[in-house]
Amino acid sequence: MTLVESARTTIPMAITERQKILLESTVARDTAETLLQRLLGAKAESEKRLSELRQVDALKKVTGRSAMDNAIISTQRMIETLNRSIAQLGRELPEEDVALFAETAAAGAGHSNSVR
């Protein structure tokens, strides 16, 4: 089961569709942040191994960016897009829904994020 599917199963029925989208977007952003950290670690490990073997990344030599660089940039853009979407959704929620979302996010995602 994915994190988003897991969040869906923990979302109370009383929340609005907008709150549900906000929660799922927050889970997706958190997942992307975890992925980004793993990509950064893998890139460091890859560069270390290439250095030990005295080899160069062929793609990086030709294009100026490695496949890992491209994946990292893509993930960073995805996180930025999700953050903008989360902020917009948070601004559109009524005040009472913001409090409910914070409680739901804390229970469903294991932590609370600011949406305003």
N, C-alpha and C. Protein backbone atom coordinates (compact mmCIF):
# COMPACT_ATOMS: atom_id res chain seq x y z
N MET A 1 0.84 -1.17 0.00
CA MET A 1 0.00 0.00 0.00
C MET A 1 0.90 1.24 0.00
N THR A 2 0.61 2.21 -0.88
CA THR A 2 1.39 3.44 -0.94
C THR A 2 1.01 4.35 0.21
N LEU A 3 1.83 5.38 0.43
CA LEU A 3 1.53 6.33 1.49
C LEU A 3 0.22 7.07 1.22
N VAL A 4 -0.04 7.40 -0.04
CA VAL A 4 -1.28 8.10 -0.37
C VAL A 4 -2.47 7.19 -0.10
N GLU A 5 -2.37 5.91 -0.47
CA GLU A 5 -3.45 4.97 -0.17
C GLU A 5 -3.64 4.83 1.33
N SER A 6 -2.55 4.81 2.05
CA SER A 6 -2.61 4.73 3.50
C SER A 6 -3.31 5.96 4.08
N ALA A 7 -2.97 7.12 3.55
CA ALA A 7 -3.61 8.36 4.02
C ALA A 7 -5.09 8.32 3.72
N ARG A 8 -5.46 7.81 2.56
CA ARG A 8 -6.88 7.72 2.20
C ARG A 8 -7.65 6.87 3.20
N THR A 9 -7.03 5.82 3.69
CA THR A 9 -7.74 4.94 4.62
C THR A 9 -7.85 5.55 6.01
N THR A 10 -7.02 6.56 6.32
CA THR A 10 -7.07 7.19 7.64
C THR A 10 -7.83 8.50 7.63
N ILE A 11 -8.31 8.94 6.46
CA ILE A 11 -9.00 10.21 6.36
C ILE A 11 -10.43 10.04 6.88
N PRO A 12 -10.81 10.84 7.87
CA PRO A 12 -12.18 10.76 8.38
C PRO A 12 -13.19 11.14 7.29
N MET A 13 -14.38 10.57 7.37
CA MET A 13 -15.41 10.83 6.36
C MET A 13 -15.93 12.27 6.45
N ALA A 14 -15.74 12.96 7.56
CA ALA A 14 -16.31 14.28 7.76
C ALA A 14 -15.55 15.38 7.04
N ILE A 15 -14.41 15.10 6.45
CA ILE A 15 -13.65 16.17 5.82
C ILE A 15 -14.14 16.41 4.40
N THR A 16 -13.88 17.62 3.93
CA THR A 16 -14.31 18.00 2.59
C THR A 16 -13.36 17.42 1.55
N GLU A 17 -13.79 17.46 0.32
CA GLU A 17 -12.94 16.99 -0.79
C GLU A 17 -11.66 17.83 -0.86
N ARG A 18 -11.78 19.13 -0.64
CA ARG A 18 -10.61 20.02 -0.66
C ARG A 18 -9.61 19.63 0.44
N GLN A 19 -10.13 19.30 1.63
CA GLN A 19 -9.25 18.87 2.71
C GLN A 19 -8.57 17.55 2.35
N LYS A 20 -9.32 16.66 1.73
CA LYS A 20 -8.76 15.37 1.32
C LYS A 20 -7.63 15.58 0.32
N ILE A 21 -7.84 16.46 -0.65
CA ILE A 21 -6.81 16.76 -1.64
C ILE A 21 -5.60 17.39 -0.96
N LEU A 22 -5.86 18.26 -0.01
CA LEU A 22 -4.76 18.90 0.73
C LEU A 22 -3.94 17.87 1.49
N LEU A 23 -4.61 16.95 2.15
CA LEU A 23 -3.91 15.91 2.90
C LEU A 23 -3.10 15.01 1.96
N GLU A 24 -3.72 14.59 0.87
CA GLU A 24 -3.02 13.72 -0.08
C GLU A 24 -1.84 14.45 -0.71
N SER A 25 -1.99 15.74 -0.99
CA SER A 25 -0.88 16.52 -1.54
C SER A 25 0.26 16.63 -0.54
N THR A 26 -0.09 16.78 0.73
CA THR A 26 0.93 16.86 1.77
C THR A 26 1.69 15.54 1.89
N VAL A 27 0.97 14.43 1.83
CA VAL A 27 1.61 13.11 1.87
C VAL A 27 2.52 12.94 0.66
N ALA A 28 2.04 13.34 -0.52
CA ALA A 28 2.86 13.23 -1.74
C ALA A 28 4.12 14.09 -1.64
N ARG A 29 3.98 15.30 -1.08
CA ARG A 29 5.15 16.17 -0.90
C ARG A 29 6.15 15.55 0.07
N ASP A 30 5.64 15.02 1.18
CA ASP A 30 6.53 14.39 2.15
C ASP A 30 7.25 13.19 1.55
N THR A 31 6.55 12.43 0.73
CA THR A 31 7.16 11.28 0.04
C THR A 31 8.24 11.76 -0.92
N ALA A 32 7.96 12.85 -1.64
CA ALA A 32 8.94 13.40 -2.57
C ALA A 32 10.17 13.92 -1.84
N GLU A 33 9.97 14.51 -0.66
CA GLU A 33 11.12 14.99 0.13
C GLU A 33 11.99 13.81 0.58
N THR A 34 11.36 12.72 0.96
CA THR A 34 12.12 11.51 1.32
C THR A 34 12.89 11.00 0.12
N LEU A 35 12.23 10.95 -1.03
CA LEU A 35 12.89 10.53 -2.26
C LEU A 35 14.08 11.42 -2.58
N LEU A 36 13.91 12.72 -2.43
CA LEU A 36 15.00 13.66 -2.70
C LEU A 36 16.21 13.36 -1.82
N GLN A 37 15.99 13.11 -0.55
CA GLN A 37 17.09 12.80 0.35
C GLN A 37 17.81 11.52 -0.08
N ARG A 38 17.03 10.53 -0.50
CA ARG A 38 17.63 9.27 -0.98
C ARG A 38 18.42 9.48 -2.26
N LEU A 39 17.88 10.31 -3.16
CA LEU A 39 18.60 10.61 -4.41
C LEU A 39 19.92 11.33 -4.13
N LEU A 40 19.89 12.27 -3.20
CA LEU A 40 21.12 12.99 -2.85
C LEU A 40 22.16 12.03 -2.28
N GLY A 41 21.72 11.11 -1.44
CA GLY A 41 22.64 10.12 -0.88
C GLY A 41 23.18 9.19 -1.95
N ALA A 42 22.31 8.77 -2.86
CA ALA A 42 22.74 7.88 -3.95
C ALA A 42 23.71 8.59 -4.88
N LYS A 43 23.48 9.87 -5.11
CA LYS A 43 24.39 10.64 -5.97
C LYS A 43 25.78 10.72 -5.33
N ALA A 44 25.81 11.00 -4.05
CA ALA A 44 27.09 11.08 -3.34
C ALA A 44 27.82 9.74 -3.40
N GLU A 45 27.09 8.66 -3.18
CA GLU A 45 27.68 7.32 -3.24
C GLU A 45 28.19 7.01 -4.64
N SER A 46 27.41 7.36 -5.64
CA SER A 46 27.81 7.12 -7.03
C SER A 46 29.07 7.90 -7.40
N GLU A 47 29.10 9.16 -7.00
CA GLU A 47 30.28 9.97 -7.29
C GLU A 47 31.51 9.43 -6.57
N LYS A 48 31.33 8.95 -5.35
CA LYS A 48 32.43 8.36 -4.59
C LYS A 48 32.97 7.13 -5.31
N ARG A 49 32.06 6.26 -5.76
CA ARG A 49 32.48 5.04 -6.46
C ARG A 49 33.18 5.36 -7.78
N LEU A 50 32.63 6.29 -8.53
CA LEU A 50 33.27 6.68 -9.79
C LEU A 50 34.68 7.23 -9.54
N SER A 51 34.81 8.01 -8.49
CA SER A 51 36.11 8.56 -8.14
C SER A 51 37.10 7.46 -7.76
N GLU A 52 36.62 6.50 -6.95
CA GLU A 52 37.48 5.38 -6.55
C GLU A 52 37.94 4.57 -7.75
N LEU A 53 37.06 4.43 -8.74
CA LEU A 53 37.37 3.66 -9.93
C LEU A 53 38.06 4.50 -11.01
N ARG A 54 38.21 5.78 -10.71
CA ARG A 54 38.81 6.74 -11.65
C ARG A 54 38.10 6.73 -12.99
N GLN A 55 36.77 6.76 -12.88
CA GLN A 55 35.92 6.82 -14.07
C GLN A 55 35.09 8.10 -14.02
N VAL A 56 34.56 8.46 -15.17
CA VAL A 56 33.70 9.62 -15.26
C VAL A 56 32.29 9.17 -15.64
N ASP A 57 31.33 9.96 -15.26
CA ASP A 57 29.95 9.72 -15.66
C ASP A 57 29.83 10.16 -17.12
N ALA A 58 29.59 9.22 -18.00
CA ALA A 58 29.56 9.51 -19.43
C ALA A 58 28.47 10.54 -19.78
N LEU A 59 27.27 10.39 -19.20
CA LEU A 59 26.20 11.34 -19.48
C LEU A 59 26.56 12.73 -19.00
N LYS A 60 27.15 12.81 -17.83
CA LYS A 60 27.55 14.11 -17.28
C LYS A 60 28.64 14.74 -18.13
N LYS A 61 29.52 13.94 -18.64
CA LYS A 61 30.60 14.45 -19.49
C LYS A 61 30.04 15.06 -20.77
N VAL A 62 29.00 14.43 -21.32
CA VAL A 62 28.42 14.89 -22.58
C VAL A 62 27.44 16.05 -22.37
N THR A 63 26.56 15.93 -21.36
CA THR A 63 25.48 16.91 -21.20
C THR A 63 25.71 17.92 -20.09
N GLY A 64 26.66 17.64 -19.22
CA GLY A 64 26.89 18.53 -18.08
C GLY A 64 26.10 18.13 -16.84
N ARG A 65 25.21 17.16 -17.00
CA ARG A 65 24.41 16.67 -15.87
C ARG A 65 24.34 15.16 -15.92
N SER A 66 24.42 14.56 -14.75
CA SER A 66 24.26 13.11 -14.67
C SER A 66 22.77 12.77 -14.62
N ALA A 67 22.46 11.51 -14.77
CA ALA A 67 21.07 11.07 -14.63
C ALA A 67 20.57 11.37 -13.22
N MET A 68 21.44 11.23 -12.23
CA MET A 68 21.07 11.54 -10.85
C MET A 68 20.78 13.04 -10.70
N ASP A 69 21.59 13.88 -11.33
CA ASP A 69 21.34 15.32 -11.29
C ASP A 69 19.95 15.63 -11.85
N ASN A 70 19.63 15.01 -12.97
CA ASN A 70 18.32 15.23 -13.60
C ASN A 70 17.19 14.77 -12.69
N ALA A 71 17.36 13.63 -12.04
CA ALA A 71 16.33 13.12 -11.13
C ALA A 71 16.17 14.04 -9.92
N ILE A 72 17.27 14.55 -9.41
CA ILE A 72 17.23 15.46 -8.27
C ILE A 72 16.52 16.76 -8.65
N ILE A 73 16.86 17.31 -9.79
CA ILE A 73 16.23 18.55 -10.25
C ILE A 73 14.73 18.35 -10.45
N SER A 74 14.38 17.24 -11.06
CA SER A 74 12.96 16.94 -11.30
C SER A 74 12.21 16.80 -9.98
N THR A 75 12.80 16.13 -9.01
CA THR A 75 12.16 15.95 -7.71
C THR A 75 12.03 17.28 -6.98
N GLN A 76 13.06 18.12 -7.06
CA GLN A 76 12.98 19.44 -6.43
C GLN A 76 11.85 20.26 -7.03
N ARG A 77 11.70 20.21 -8.34
CA ARG A 77 10.61 20.94 -9.01
C ARG A 77 9.25 20.40 -8.56
N MET A 78 9.15 19.08 -8.44
CA MET A 78 7.90 18.49 -7.99
C MET A 78 7.56 18.97 -6.58
N ILE A 79 8.54 19.00 -5.70
CA ILE A 79 8.31 19.46 -4.33
C ILE A 79 7.87 20.93 -4.33
N GLU A 80 8.53 21.75 -5.13
CA GLU A 80 8.15 23.17 -5.22
C GLU A 80 6.71 23.31 -5.71
N THR A 81 6.33 22.54 -6.71
CA THR A 81 4.97 22.58 -7.24
C THR A 81 3.96 22.14 -6.19
N LEU A 82 4.26 21.04 -5.49
CA LEU A 82 3.37 20.57 -4.44
C LEU A 82 3.26 21.60 -3.32
N ASN A 83 4.37 22.23 -2.95
CA ASN A 83 4.33 23.27 -1.91
C ASN A 83 3.43 24.43 -2.32
N ARG A 84 3.53 24.86 -3.58
CA ARG A 84 2.67 25.94 -4.05
C ARG A 84 1.20 25.52 -4.02
N SER A 85 0.93 24.29 -4.45
CA SER A 85 -0.45 23.79 -4.44
C SER A 85 -1.00 23.69 -3.02
N ILE A 86 -0.18 23.19 -2.12
CA ILE A 86 -0.59 23.06 -0.71
C ILE A 86 -0.88 24.44 -0.12
N ALA A 87 -0.02 25.40 -0.41
CA ALA A 87 -0.23 26.76 0.10
C ALA A 87 -1.53 27.35 -0.45
N GLN A 88 -1.77 27.16 -1.74
CA GLN A 88 -2.99 27.69 -2.36
C GLN A 88 -4.23 27.03 -1.76
N LEU A 89 -4.21 25.72 -1.64
CA LEU A 89 -5.35 25.01 -1.04
C LEU A 89 -5.56 25.48 0.40
N GLY A 90 -4.48 25.66 1.13
CA GLY A 90 -4.58 26.12 2.53
C GLY A 90 -5.20 27.49 2.63
N ARG A 91 -4.86 28.39 1.69
CA ARG A 91 -5.44 29.74 1.70
C ARG A 91 -6.93 29.71 1.39
N GLU A 92 -7.36 28.70 0.64
CA GLU A 92 -8.76 28.62 0.23
C GLU A 92 -9.65 27.94 1.27
N LEU A 93 -9.06 27.31 2.28
CA LEU A 93 -9.85 26.64 3.31
C LEU A 93 -10.38 27.66 4.31
N PRO A 94 -11.61 27.51 4.75
CA PRO A 94 -12.11 28.35 5.84
C PRO A 94 -11.29 28.07 7.11
N GLU A 95 -11.24 29.04 8.01
CA GLU A 95 -10.43 28.92 9.23
C GLU A 95 -10.73 27.65 10.02
N GLU A 96 -12.03 27.32 10.17
CA GLU A 96 -12.37 26.13 10.96
C GLU A 96 -11.87 24.86 10.28
N ASP A 97 -11.79 24.87 8.94
CA ASP A 97 -11.28 23.70 8.23
C ASP A 97 -9.77 23.56 8.37
N VAL A 98 -9.08 24.69 8.53
CA VAL A 98 -7.62 24.65 8.71
C VAL A 98 -7.29 23.89 9.99
N ALA A 99 -8.04 24.16 11.06
CA ALA A 99 -7.81 23.47 12.33
C ALA A 99 -8.08 21.98 12.19
N LEU A 100 -9.18 21.63 11.51
CA LEU A 100 -9.51 20.22 11.29
C LEU A 100 -8.43 19.56 10.45
N PHE A 101 -7.96 20.26 9.41
CA PHE A 101 -6.91 19.68 8.57
C PHE A 101 -5.65 19.42 9.38
N ALA A 102 -5.26 20.36 10.23
CA ALA A 102 -4.05 20.18 11.03
C ALA A 102 -4.17 18.94 11.91
N GLU A 103 -5.34 18.74 12.51
CA GLU A 103 -5.57 17.54 13.33
C GLU A 103 -5.52 16.28 12.48
N THR A 104 -6.17 16.32 11.32
CA THR A 104 -6.22 15.16 10.43
C THR A 104 -4.83 14.84 9.90
N ALA A 105 -4.09 15.87 9.52
CA ALA A 105 -2.74 15.66 9.00
C ALA A 105 -1.84 15.06 10.07
N ALA A 106 -1.97 15.54 11.30
CA ALA A 106 -1.16 15.01 12.39
C ALA A 106 -1.48 13.55 12.65
N ALA A 107 -2.75 13.20 12.59
CA ALA A 107 -3.16 11.81 12.85
C ALA A 107 -2.86 10.91 11.66
N GLY A 108 -3.15 11.39 10.45
CA GLY A 108 -3.02 10.56 9.25
C GLY A 108 -1.63 10.47 8.69
N ALA A 109 -0.88 11.54 8.77
CA ALA A 109 0.45 11.55 8.17
C ALA A 109 1.55 11.46 9.22
N GLY A 110 1.19 11.47 10.47
CA GLY A 110 2.19 11.32 11.51
C GLY A 110 2.83 12.61 11.96
N HIS A 111 2.46 13.72 11.33
CA HIS A 111 2.99 15.01 11.72
C HIS A 111 2.12 16.11 11.13
N SER A 112 2.35 17.34 11.57
CA SER A 112 1.54 18.46 11.11
C SER A 112 2.40 19.42 10.30
N ASN A 113 1.84 19.93 9.23
CA ASN A 113 2.50 20.93 8.40
C ASN A 113 1.62 22.16 8.33
N SER A 114 2.23 23.32 8.27
CA SER A 114 1.48 24.55 8.12
C SER A 114 0.94 24.63 6.70
N VAL A 115 -0.31 25.07 6.59
CA VAL A 115 -0.91 25.19 5.27
C VAL A 115 -1.19 26.65 4.91
N ARG A 116 -0.83 27.55 5.77
CA ARG A 116 -1.06 28.96 5.48
C ARG A 116 0.23 29.71 5.44
